[in-house]
Amino acid sequence: MRAYIGRQPIFNRNGDAFAYELLYRSCDVNNDANFDNNAKATARVIVNLVHNLGIKNIISSKMGFINVDETILFSDAILLLPKEHFYFEILEYTNISLAFNERIKHLHALGYRFLLDDFDCTEETIKKYNALFPYIEIIKVDIMAIGIANLASSLSRIEKFNITLLAEKIESFEEFQICANFSFSYFQGYFFEKPLILSGTKIEPNVLNALKIMNCIQQTEDTKEISQQFSTCPDLLFNLLRHINSSTYHFRQNITSITQMLTLLGRQKLVSWLSLFLYDTATPKPFGEEMFNAAKFRAKFMECLAQKCMESSIASKAFLTGSLSLIDSYLGVPMALFLKEISLDEKINEALLQETGELGELLWLAKEMEHNKDIDLFLERFEHKVCFSKEAIYEACYEANLFVEQSNQTKKEET
């Protein structure tokens, strides 16, 4: 039986992922992501972190945000987590009592950090939490509940408390721009799952080199010709050598030539590596790290499901489709313009441009799983895929998250 945790990134003003909110997920046929008992859901998240998946594998060096209510806070469940790596979100429906206030005061004195979730900045809500403000480090301001037009007046009610603010439930670029003009330190929302499209249409030279080699691989079987293309791109060659020598592979022979590296890696793995390398070579951009991670998640998730439910030849195409699915946002160019620069299978093109066909269905599902939505709401779309069960999809999620963490660890080892 697998254990699962959903997570959503939280960004700072520089566009770097500061933390992950960790969410309850289950692959049990009779237990949805929608649940009636929030305390049990939080307890399961904590158990999965500590005993099943590992804290480092899930949040790496970032902070973790965990939802809590009075039941969890009066138990010893949070004592299982290292307090230096976590913030605890007090949910909006928590029963605030004198005893609860004293419990927060005590835990705060021990070094536990707290924030308020879904804060609507009304006088009623401010009064409800007034006694807790000295122990609160972050307020998550609910942009959707307040409304952008009311944001200035709403924030004016809480500025006197001098507490760090996080704008949550940001749905669009316009909302993000408006929020960025206020005193928010952090940002969270579905908008960041479809990351910011940066201005400009220029594709950087190192990216063009990667595209050139990908085209060469698609057009010829001649390893010597592909090797010659690599020899003109020292940046790619250097990174390929680091990749071959990373802990991902355990080749028993010393590398003596470019041709040997290409043979050891194989054509399809080489194309997959190049497609992900496109994200990693451009000048660092806001939200770039999480965009890269999202592309890797989609690629592995789609590959895992394709291996379970489709022909083996589809799996490699699924990986490539997922890995390229955010390249337009990353490079700041329309997807159609990017695809003109590279020769791809027509089914991949259709998936990237229109989300049609088998690959398009997989890409759509990968995007939905990023949002941690209730799987039953869209599982009916895949009734013709017999093995697209909850368990299969959540297992693919687990494998994809593991792939992201392992590849990030490999990158750290390489540098």
Protein backbone atom coordinates (compact mmCIF):
# COMPACT_ATOMS: atom_id res chain seq x y z
CA MET A 1 0.00 0.00 0.00
CA ARG A 2 1.36 3.40 -1.00
CA ALA A 3 1.34 6.59 1.06
CA TYR A 4 0.63 9.93 -0.60
CA ILE A 5 0.96 13.63 0.13
CA GLY A 6 -0.10 16.50 -2.08
CA ARG A 7 1.91 19.72 -2.05
CA GLN A 8 1.58 23.22 -3.41
CA PRO A 9 4.47 25.68 -3.66
CA ILE A 10 4.54 29.03 -1.86
CA PHE A 11 6.71 31.72 -3.44
CA ASN A 12 8.58 34.73 -2.13
CA ARG A 13 8.75 38.08 -3.92
CA ASN A 14 11.75 36.93 -5.98
CA GLY A 15 9.76 34.05 -7.44
CA ASP A 16 11.66 31.41 -5.46
CA ALA A 17 9.79 28.59 -3.74
CA PHE A 18 9.94 29.36 -0.03
CA ALA A 19 7.76 26.51 1.23
CA TYR A 20 5.27 23.79 0.34
CA GLU A 21 1.78 23.44 1.75
CA LEU A 22 1.32 19.72 2.40
CA LEU A 23 -2.09 18.24 1.70
CA TYR A 24 -3.85 15.02 2.51
CA ARG A 25 -4.14 12.52 -0.34
CA SER A 26 -5.30 8.90 -0.40
CA CYS A 27 -5.36 6.09 -2.93
CA ASP A 28 -7.90 4.09 -0.92
CA VAL A 29 -10.91 3.29 -3.11
CA ASN A 30 -13.31 4.37 -0.35
CA ASN A 31 -11.40 7.39 0.89
CA ASP A 32 -11.33 10.53 -1.27
CA ALA A 33 -9.18 13.62 -1.08
CA ASN A 34 -12.38 15.25 0.21
CA PHE A 35 -12.75 14.23 3.83
CA ASP A 36 -15.03 14.82 6.80
CA ASN A 37 -12.48 14.65 9.62
CA ASN A 38 -9.74 17.22 9.18
CA ALA A 39 -7.84 16.10 12.27
CA LYS A 40 -7.52 12.57 10.90
CA ALA A 41 -6.41 13.96 7.54
CA THR A 42 -3.68 16.05 9.17
CA ALA A 43 -2.61 13.11 11.32
CA ARG A 44 -2.25 10.99 8.17
CA VAL A 45 -0.13 13.68 6.52
CA ILE A 46 2.16 13.72 9.55
CA VAL A 47 2.39 9.92 9.68
CA ASN A 48 3.21 9.76 5.97
CA LEU A 49 5.88 12.43 6.39
CA VAL A 50 7.56 10.83 9.38
CA HIS A 51 7.17 7.10 8.76
CA ASN A 52 6.44 6.50 5.08
CA LEU A 53 7.77 9.09 2.66
CA GLY A 54 10.36 11.00 4.66
CA ILE A 55 10.36 14.72 5.41
CA LYS A 56 13.46 15.45 3.33
CA ASN A 57 12.04 13.66 0.29
CA ILE A 58 8.93 15.84 0.39
CA ILE A 59 10.15 19.34 1.31
CA SER A 60 13.92 19.02 0.79
CA SER A 61 15.49 22.17 2.31
CA LYS A 62 12.28 24.25 2.17
CA MET A 63 9.66 24.87 4.83
CA GLY A 64 6.51 22.79 5.16
CA PHE A 65 3.04 24.19 5.92
CA ILE A 66 0.69 21.82 7.78
CA ASN A 67 -3.04 22.44 8.41
CA VAL A 68 -4.09 22.08 12.05
CA ASP A 69 -7.19 22.58 14.18
CA GLU A 70 -7.82 22.38 17.91
CA THR A 71 -7.87 18.57 17.92
CA ILE A 72 -4.39 18.29 16.45
CA LEU A 73 -2.96 21.10 18.56
CA PHE A 74 -4.20 19.58 21.80
CA SER A 75 -2.64 16.25 20.82
CA ASP A 76 1.06 15.45 20.58
CA ALA A 77 0.93 14.82 16.83
CA ILE A 78 2.84 17.96 15.85
CA LEU A 79 5.61 17.03 18.28
CA LEU A 80 6.62 14.35 15.76
CA LEU A 81 7.74 17.04 13.32
CA PRO A 82 10.97 19.04 13.61
CA LYS A 83 9.65 22.50 14.45
CA GLU A 84 12.49 24.27 12.64
CA HIS A 85 11.17 22.99 9.29
CA PHE A 86 7.43 23.62 9.66
CA TYR A 87 4.73 26.24 10.01
CA PHE A 88 1.36 25.19 11.37
CA GLU A 89 -1.72 26.68 9.68
CA ILE A 90 -4.61 27.32 12.05
CA LEU A 91 -7.68 26.53 9.95
CA GLU A 92 -10.50 29.07 9.74
CA TYR A 93 -13.09 26.82 11.39
CA THR A 94 -10.90 26.06 14.43
CA ASN A 95 -12.67 26.45 17.77
CA ILE A 96 -10.85 29.35 19.43
CA SER A 97 -11.11 29.14 23.22
CA LEU A 98 -9.14 30.37 26.22
CA ALA A 99 -7.57 26.92 26.53
CA PHE A 100 -6.65 26.98 22.84
CA ASN A 101 -4.99 30.39 23.22
CA GLU A 102 -2.92 29.10 26.13
CA ARG A 103 -1.90 26.04 24.12
CA ILE A 104 -0.69 28.23 21.23
CA LYS A 105 1.19 30.47 23.69
CA HIS A 106 2.91 27.43 25.20
CA LEU A 107 3.88 25.88 21.85
CA HIS A 108 5.10 29.24 20.58
CA ALA A 109 7.38 29.52 23.60
CA LEU A 110 8.80 26.11 22.64
CA GLY A 111 9.66 27.41 19.17
CA TYR A 112 6.64 26.29 17.11
CA ARG A 113 5.56 28.71 14.39
CA PHE A 114 1.96 29.47 13.49
CA LEU A 115 -0.02 31.18 10.76
CA LEU A 116 -3.67 31.91 10.13
CA ASP A 117 -5.34 30.32 7.12
CA ASP A 118 -8.09 31.76 4.86
CA PHE A 119 -8.07 35.15 6.59
CA ASP A 120 -10.77 37.47 5.18
CA CYS A 121 -9.75 40.59 7.17
CA THR A 122 -13.29 41.28 8.42
CA GLU A 123 -13.77 42.89 11.82
CA GLU A 124 -15.42 39.68 13.02
CA THR A 125 -12.43 37.55 12.02
CA ILE A 126 -9.94 40.02 13.49
CA LYS A 127 -11.83 39.97 16.80
CA LYS A 128 -11.90 36.17 16.76
CA TYR A 129 -8.10 35.88 16.48
CA ASN A 130 -7.09 39.05 18.34
CA ALA A 131 -5.60 37.22 21.34
CA LEU A 132 -3.50 35.03 19.04
CA PHE A 133 -1.82 37.77 17.00
CA PRO A 134 1.29 37.98 19.27
CA TYR A 135 2.03 34.33 18.41
CA ILE A 136 1.24 34.45 14.68
CA GLU A 137 4.12 34.84 12.20
CA ILE A 138 2.16 34.81 8.92
CA ILE A 139 -1.41 35.64 7.90
CA LYS A 140 -2.67 33.96 4.73
CA VAL A 141 -4.96 36.58 3.20
CA ASP A 142 -7.79 35.00 1.18
CA ILE A 143 -7.77 37.08 -2.03
CA MET A 144 -10.78 35.23 -3.44
CA ALA A 145 -12.96 35.87 -0.40
CA ILE A 146 -11.96 39.53 -0.09
CA GLY A 147 -11.99 40.50 -3.75
CA ILE A 148 -9.25 42.52 -5.44
CA ALA A 149 -11.32 45.71 -5.34
CA ASN A 150 -11.53 45.49 -1.53
CA LEU A 151 -7.93 44.52 -0.92
CA ALA A 152 -6.58 47.95 0.10
CA SER A 153 -9.29 48.61 2.67
CA SER A 154 -9.10 45.06 4.02
CA LEU A 155 -5.34 45.14 4.51
CA SER A 156 -5.55 48.48 6.27
CA ARG A 157 -7.44 46.75 9.10
CA ILE A 158 -4.54 44.40 9.91
CA GLU A 159 -1.43 46.45 9.10
CA LYS A 160 -1.20 47.63 12.74
CA PHE A 161 -0.40 44.05 13.83
CA ASN A 162 2.85 44.10 11.80
CA ILE A 163 2.54 40.44 10.80
CA THR A 164 4.03 38.98 7.59
CA LEU A 165 1.37 38.59 4.90
CA LEU A 166 0.85 35.82 2.33
CA ALA A 167 -1.56 36.30 -0.57
CA GLU A 168 -3.37 33.01 -1.22
CA LYS A 169 -5.80 31.79 -3.89
CA ILE A 170 -4.24 33.90 -6.64
CA GLU A 171 -5.92 32.80 -9.85
CA SER A 172 -4.44 35.05 -12.54
CA PHE A 173 -1.45 37.11 -13.57
CA GLU A 174 -3.50 40.28 -13.07
CA GLU A 175 -4.27 39.32 -9.47
CA PHE A 176 -0.60 38.55 -8.86
CA GLN A 177 0.44 41.95 -10.25
CA ILE A 178 -2.01 43.76 -7.99
CA CYS A 179 -0.97 41.74 -4.93
CA ALA A 180 2.70 42.43 -5.67
CA ASN A 181 1.99 46.15 -5.22
CA PHE A 182 0.91 45.55 -1.63
CA SER A 183 3.00 44.45 1.34
CA PHE A 184 2.71 40.70 0.73
CA SER A 185 5.92 38.73 1.33
CA TYR A 186 4.64 35.43 -0.07
CA PHE A 187 2.23 34.24 -2.76
CA GLN A 188 0.24 31.05 -3.37
CA GLY A 189 -2.46 29.94 -5.77
CA TYR A 190 -3.43 28.03 -8.89
CA PHE A 191 -1.96 30.79 -11.05
CA PHE A 192 1.52 29.51 -10.21
CA GLU A 193 0.61 26.04 -11.43
CA LYS A 194 0.41 27.64 -14.86
CA PRO A 195 3.46 29.81 -14.29
CA LEU A 196 3.96 33.41 -15.30
CA ILE A 197 4.57 33.86 -19.05
CA LEU A 198 7.53 36.23 -19.27
CA SER A 199 7.81 38.83 -21.99
CA GLY A 200 10.04 38.46 -25.02
CA THR A 201 10.33 36.04 -27.94
CA LYS A 202 14.06 35.43 -28.12
CA ILE A 203 15.20 31.85 -27.57
CA GLU A 204 18.62 31.85 -25.89
CA PRO A 205 21.64 30.44 -27.77
CA ASN A 206 22.17 27.45 -25.45
CA VAL A 207 18.50 26.50 -25.88
CA LEU A 208 18.88 26.72 -29.65
CA ASN A 209 21.83 24.33 -29.39
CA ALA A 210 19.68 21.82 -27.53
CA LEU A 211 16.95 22.16 -30.14
CA LYS A 212 19.49 21.68 -32.92
CA ILE A 213 20.70 18.40 -31.44
CA MET A 214 17.16 17.19 -30.77
CA ASN A 215 16.34 17.78 -34.42
CA CYS A 216 19.49 15.93 -35.45
CA ILE A 217 18.50 12.90 -33.34
CA GLN A 218 15.02 12.89 -34.90
CA GLN A 219 16.41 13.09 -38.45
CA THR A 220 19.32 10.65 -38.44
CA GLU A 221 20.40 7.29 -37.05
CA ASP A 222 24.06 8.21 -37.53
CA THR A 223 25.62 8.40 -34.05
CA LYS A 224 28.74 10.00 -35.52
CA GLU A 225 26.72 12.90 -36.94
CA ILE A 226 24.96 13.42 -33.58
CA SER A 227 28.34 13.34 -31.83
CA GLN A 228 29.64 16.03 -34.17
CA GLN A 229 26.68 18.22 -33.29
CA PHE A 230 27.49 17.77 -29.60
CA SER A 231 31.13 18.66 -30.19
CA THR A 232 30.07 22.15 -31.30
CA CYS A 233 28.14 22.73 -28.05
CA PRO A 234 30.62 22.55 -25.14
CA ASP A 235 27.99 23.67 -22.58
CA LEU A 236 25.70 20.77 -23.47
CA LEU A 237 28.59 18.33 -23.67
CA PHE A 238 29.80 19.31 -20.21
CA ASN A 239 26.35 18.89 -18.71
CA LEU A 240 25.85 15.56 -20.48
CA LEU A 241 29.12 14.31 -19.01
CA ARG A 242 28.02 15.38 -15.52
CA HIS A 243 24.68 13.68 -16.06
CA ILE A 244 26.28 10.41 -17.21
CA ASN A 245 28.58 10.44 -14.17
CA SER A 246 25.86 11.27 -11.65
CA SER A 247 24.47 8.83 -9.12
CA THR A 248 21.53 8.19 -11.48
CA TYR A 249 23.71 5.85 -13.54
CA HIS A 250 26.20 3.20 -12.52
CA PHE A 251 28.19 2.50 -15.67
CA ARG A 252 31.24 0.34 -15.01
CA GLN A 253 33.40 1.73 -17.78
CA ASN A 254 35.26 5.01 -18.11
CA ILE A 255 33.95 7.51 -20.64
CA THR A 256 36.31 7.81 -23.60
CA SER A 257 34.23 9.53 -26.31
CA ILE A 258 31.03 11.39 -27.09
CA THR A 259 29.84 8.42 -29.15
CA GLN A 260 30.26 6.15 -26.14
CA MET A 261 28.13 8.47 -23.97
CA LEU A 262 25.37 8.54 -26.58
CA THR A 263 25.43 4.75 -26.84
CA LEU A 264 25.31 4.28 -23.06
CA LEU A 265 22.45 6.71 -22.61
CA GLY A 266 20.42 5.74 -25.68
CA ARG A 267 18.59 7.94 -28.15
CA GLN A 268 15.30 8.25 -26.28
CA LYS A 269 16.87 9.04 -22.90
CA LEU A 270 19.07 11.57 -24.63
CA VAL A 271 16.05 13.33 -26.14
CA SER A 272 14.30 13.28 -22.75
CA TRP A 273 17.37 14.74 -21.06
CA LEU A 274 17.70 17.47 -23.66
CA SER A 275 14.03 18.41 -23.30
CA LEU A 276 14.42 18.93 -19.56
CA PHE A 277 17.77 20.62 -20.04
CA LEU A 278 15.95 23.37 -21.93
CA TYR A 279 14.54 24.59 -18.62
CA ASP A 280 17.84 24.35 -16.82
CA THR A 281 20.08 26.30 -19.18
CA ALA A 282 18.31 29.60 -19.58
CA THR A 283 19.00 32.62 -17.40
CA PRO A 284 17.34 32.07 -13.98
CA LYS A 285 13.78 33.41 -14.02
CA PRO A 286 11.10 34.01 -11.39
CA PHE A 287 9.35 30.72 -10.56
CA GLY A 288 11.93 28.91 -12.75
CA GLU A 289 12.84 26.22 -10.24
CA GLU A 290 9.24 25.20 -9.61
CA MET A 291 8.48 25.39 -13.34
CA PHE A 292 11.34 22.96 -13.95
CA ASN A 293 10.04 20.70 -11.19
CA ALA A 294 6.50 20.84 -12.60
CA ALA A 295 7.79 19.79 -16.02
CA LYS A 296 9.66 16.86 -14.49
CA PHE A 297 6.57 15.85 -12.49
CA ARG A 298 4.36 15.88 -15.59
CA ALA A 299 6.92 13.94 -17.64
CA LYS A 300 7.32 11.13 -15.10
CA PHE A 301 3.63 11.01 -14.19
CA MET A 302 2.61 10.66 -17.83
CA GLU A 303 5.30 8.06 -18.50
CA CYS A 304 4.21 5.95 -15.51
CA LEU A 305 0.55 5.91 -16.53
CA ALA A 306 1.42 5.22 -20.16
CA GLN A 307 3.54 2.24 -19.10
CA LYS A 308 0.58 0.84 -17.18
CA CYS A 309 -2.21 1.44 -19.67
CA MET A 310 -0.83 1.98 -23.17
CA GLU A 311 1.59 0.60 -25.70
CA SER A 312 5.25 0.77 -24.66
CA SER A 313 6.02 3.14 -27.52
CA ILE A 314 3.63 5.72 -26.04
CA ALA A 315 5.53 5.93 -22.73
CA SER A 316 8.61 7.62 -24.20
CA LYS A 317 6.43 10.07 -26.11
CA ALA A 318 4.46 10.75 -22.94
CA PHE A 319 7.64 11.64 -21.06
CA LEU A 320 8.74 14.03 -23.81
CA THR A 321 5.29 15.63 -23.98
CA GLY A 322 5.22 16.29 -20.25
CA SER A 323 8.75 17.62 -20.17
CA LEU A 324 8.00 20.15 -22.92
CA SER A 325 4.57 21.19 -21.64
CA LEU A 326 5.83 24.31 -19.82
CA ILE A 327 8.60 25.33 -22.20
CA ASP A 328 6.51 28.17 -23.65
CA SER A 329 6.07 29.73 -20.22
CA TYR A 330 9.72 29.26 -19.35
CA LEU A 331 11.13 30.73 -22.56
CA GLY A 332 8.45 33.38 -22.92
CA VAL A 333 7.41 32.28 -26.41
CA PRO A 334 4.14 30.87 -27.80
CA MET A 335 4.09 27.06 -27.94
CA ALA A 336 3.38 27.15 -31.68
CA LEU A 337 6.50 29.24 -32.28
CA PHE A 338 8.62 26.89 -30.19
CA LEU A 339 7.34 23.82 -32.06
CA LYS A 340 8.38 25.38 -35.37
CA GLU A 341 11.97 25.14 -34.13
CA ILE A 342 11.93 21.40 -33.59
CA SER A 343 10.77 18.25 -35.40
CA LEU A 344 8.41 16.31 -33.13
CA ASP A 345 5.94 13.49 -33.58
CA GLU A 346 2.59 14.89 -34.69
CA LYS A 347 0.82 13.31 -31.71
CA ILE A 348 3.15 15.20 -29.37
CA ASN A 349 2.48 18.44 -31.23
CA GLU A 350 -1.29 17.91 -30.93
CA ALA A 351 -1.01 17.22 -27.21
CA LEU A 352 1.08 20.32 -26.57
CA LEU A 353 -1.06 22.64 -28.66
CA GLN A 354 -4.57 21.26 -28.16
CA GLU A 355 -4.41 18.59 -25.41
CA THR A 356 -5.98 16.09 -27.81
CA GLY A 357 -5.33 12.38 -28.34
CA GLU A 358 -3.95 9.91 -25.80
CA LEU A 359 -1.00 12.14 -24.98
CA GLY A 360 -3.28 15.15 -24.60
CA GLU A 361 -5.45 13.23 -22.13
CA LEU A 362 -2.40 12.29 -20.09
CA LEU A 363 -1.19 15.89 -20.08
CA TRP A 364 -4.60 17.13 -18.96
CA LEU A 365 -4.63 14.62 -16.12
CA ALA A 366 -1.09 15.57 -15.05
CA LYS A 367 -2.17 19.21 -14.79
CA GLU A 368 -5.24 18.30 -12.76
CA MET A 369 -3.17 16.29 -10.29
CA GLU A 370 -0.89 19.32 -9.75
CA HIS A 371 -3.93 21.12 -8.36
CA ASN A 372 -4.65 18.29 -5.89
CA LYS A 373 -8.27 18.15 -7.03
CA ASP A 374 -10.73 15.44 -6.06
CA ILE A 375 -9.91 12.65 -8.47
CA ASP A 376 -13.51 11.42 -8.68
CA LEU A 377 -14.54 14.66 -10.37
CA PHE A 378 -12.56 13.84 -13.50
CA LEU A 379 -11.89 10.09 -13.37
CA GLU A 380 -15.02 9.47 -15.48
CA ARG A 381 -13.22 11.05 -18.45
CA PHE A 382 -10.95 8.01 -18.51
CA GLU A 383 -13.52 5.22 -18.27
CA HIS A 384 -12.14 3.76 -21.53
CA LYS A 385 -8.76 3.31 -19.80
CA VAL A 386 -9.45 0.31 -17.56
CA CYS A 387 -6.35 0.69 -15.40
CA PHE A 388 -6.80 4.42 -14.75
CA SER A 389 -7.94 3.65 -11.24
CA LYS A 390 -7.35 5.90 -8.24
CA GLU A 391 -4.55 3.66 -7.08
CA ALA A 392 -2.81 3.73 -10.47
CA ILE A 393 -3.02 7.52 -10.69
CA TYR A 394 -1.81 8.12 -7.15
CA GLU A 395 1.01 5.63 -7.63
CA ALA A 396 2.07 7.58 -10.72
CA CYS A 397 1.97 10.74 -8.58
CA TYR A 398 4.20 9.12 -6.00
CA GLU A 399 6.71 7.97 -8.63
CA ALA A 400 6.70 11.42 -10.23
CA ASN A 401 7.32 13.24 -6.95
CA LEU A 402 10.11 10.80 -6.13
CA PHE A 403 11.64 11.40 -9.57
CA VAL A 404 11.63 15.17 -8.98
CA GLU A 405 13.28 14.89 -5.58
CA GLN A 406 15.90 12.38 -6.75
CA SER A 407 16.80 14.46 -9.81
CA ASN A 408 17.11 17.58 -7.66
CA GLN A 409 19.39 15.69 -5.28
CA THR A 410 21.48 14.52 -8.24
CA LYS A 411 21.78 18.11 -9.41
CA LYS A 412 23.07 19.16 -5.98
CA GLU A 413 25.64 16.34 -6.06
CA GLU A 414 26.79 17.39 -9.53
CA THR A 415 27.38 20.97 -8.43
